Amino acid sequence: MAKQDADCVTLDLFEKSTKLGRPRTNPLTREEQLRINKRNQLRRDKFSGLRRVELKLHKDLVQQLETLAAETEMSRAQLIEQILQQYFLEKGIK
């Protein structure tokens, strides 16, 4: 049986190594894909009027936030946003 170069259906009879995992569907490396996805996410956030804010909190406070967020079925970011909005409403700050 001769090998056909154009045959894409039958197994390659002369290849000894097997390829593990899913077949590659994107020509970009995983790092490039992640970079592009992050850039697109930042653009969507900016278009939506969102700004990134970072802060450091003690682990006990973070645990309390996570517990309350789970109880109210919100994300931690949504909970912090809601707490800040309530604070500004109470203080009369726009």
Protein backbone atom coordinates (compact mmCIF):
# COMPACT_ATOMS: atom_id res chain seq x y z
CA MET A 1 0.00 0.00 0.00
CA ALA A 2 1.57 3.28 -1.10
CA LYS A 3 1.44 6.48 0.86
CA GLN A 4 -0.76 9.18 -0.63
CA ASP A 5 0.33 12.74 0.24
CA ALA A 6 -3.11 14.19 -0.52
CA ASP A 7 -4.92 11.62 1.66
CA CYS A 8 -6.23 13.42 4.75
CA VAL A 9 -8.56 10.67 5.97
CA THR A 10 -6.38 7.63 6.64
CA LEU A 11 -3.73 7.53 9.33
CA ASP A 12 -0.19 8.33 8.35
CA LEU A 13 1.38 4.90 8.16
CA PHE A 14 4.93 6.15 8.35
CA GLU A 15 4.67 8.62 11.24
CA LYS A 16 5.92 7.18 14.52
CA SER A 17 5.11 10.02 16.94
CA THR A 18 1.56 10.66 18.05
CA LYS A 19 0.30 14.13 18.79
CA LEU A 20 -1.45 14.54 22.12
CA GLY A 21 -4.21 17.00 22.92
CA ARG A 22 -6.61 18.96 20.82
CA PRO A 23 -5.70 19.91 17.29
CA ARG A 24 -4.48 23.44 16.90
CA THR A 25 -7.30 25.74 15.77
CA ASN A 26 -5.64 29.14 16.11
CA PRO A 27 -2.36 30.10 14.41
CA LEU A 28 -1.37 32.35 17.33
CA THR A 29 0.42 31.13 20.44
CA ARG A 30 -1.53 30.96 23.69
CA GLU A 31 0.37 33.98 25.07
CA GLU A 32 -0.56 36.08 22.03
CA GLN A 33 -4.20 34.97 22.28
CA LEU A 34 -4.32 35.99 25.95
CA ARG A 35 -2.74 39.37 25.20
CA ILE A 36 -5.25 40.08 22.42
CA ASN A 37 -8.19 38.95 24.56
CA LYS A 38 -7.05 41.16 27.44
CA ARG A 39 -6.65 44.16 25.13
CA ASN A 40 -10.15 43.60 23.73
CA GLN A 41 -11.60 43.27 27.26
CA LEU A 42 -9.98 46.56 28.30
CA ARG A 43 -11.44 48.26 25.21
CA ARG A 44 -14.93 46.91 26.00
CA ASP A 45 -14.60 48.09 29.61
CA LYS A 46 -13.46 51.55 28.52
CA PHE A 47 -16.31 51.81 26.02
CA SER A 48 -18.74 50.83 28.82
CA GLY A 49 -17.38 53.60 31.05
CA LEU A 50 -15.57 51.28 33.45
CA ARG A 51 -12.23 52.19 35.02
CA ARG A 52 -9.85 49.83 36.77
CA VAL A 53 -9.13 50.46 40.46
CA GLU A 54 -6.71 48.40 42.52
CA LEU A 55 -6.47 48.34 46.29
CA LYS A 56 -4.93 46.16 48.95
CA LEU A 57 -7.15 44.86 51.74
CA HIS A 58 -6.45 42.70 54.75
CA LYS A 59 -7.31 39.04 54.19
CA ASP A 60 -10.00 39.10 56.91
CA LEU A 61 -11.82 41.93 55.16
CA VAL A 62 -11.56 40.14 51.82
CA GLN A 63 -13.02 36.99 53.40
CA GLN A 64 -15.94 39.03 54.78
CA LEU A 65 -16.53 40.53 51.33
CA GLU A 66 -16.45 37.11 49.69
CA THR A 67 -18.89 35.69 52.23
CA LEU A 68 -21.32 38.58 51.81
CA ALA A 69 -20.98 38.44 48.03
CA ALA A 70 -21.82 34.72 48.05
CA GLU A 71 -24.84 35.33 50.28
CA THR A 72 -26.17 38.06 48.01
CA GLU A 73 -25.21 36.13 44.84
CA MET A 74 -23.02 38.96 43.56
CA SER A 75 -19.42 39.17 42.55
CA ARG A 76 -17.01 40.81 44.95
CA ALA A 77 -16.53 43.73 42.55
CA GLN A 78 -20.29 44.27 42.29
CA LEU A 79 -20.59 44.21 46.08
CA ILE A 80 -17.81 46.78 46.54
CA GLU A 81 -19.42 49.00 43.90
CA GLN A 82 -22.78 48.75 45.67
CA ILE A 83 -21.21 49.59 49.06
CA LEU A 84 -19.50 52.66 47.58
CA GLN A 85 -22.71 53.82 45.87
CA GLN A 86 -24.64 53.51 49.15
CA TYR A 87 -21.94 55.46 50.97
CA PHE A 88 -22.04 58.30 48.45
CA LEU A 89 -25.85 58.39 48.54
CA GLU A 90 -25.84 58.63 52.33
CA LYS A 91 -23.26 61.43 52.25
CA GLY A 92 -25.09 63.25 49.46
CA ILE A 93 -22.07 63.13 47.15
CA LYS A 94 -22.70 62.98 43.41
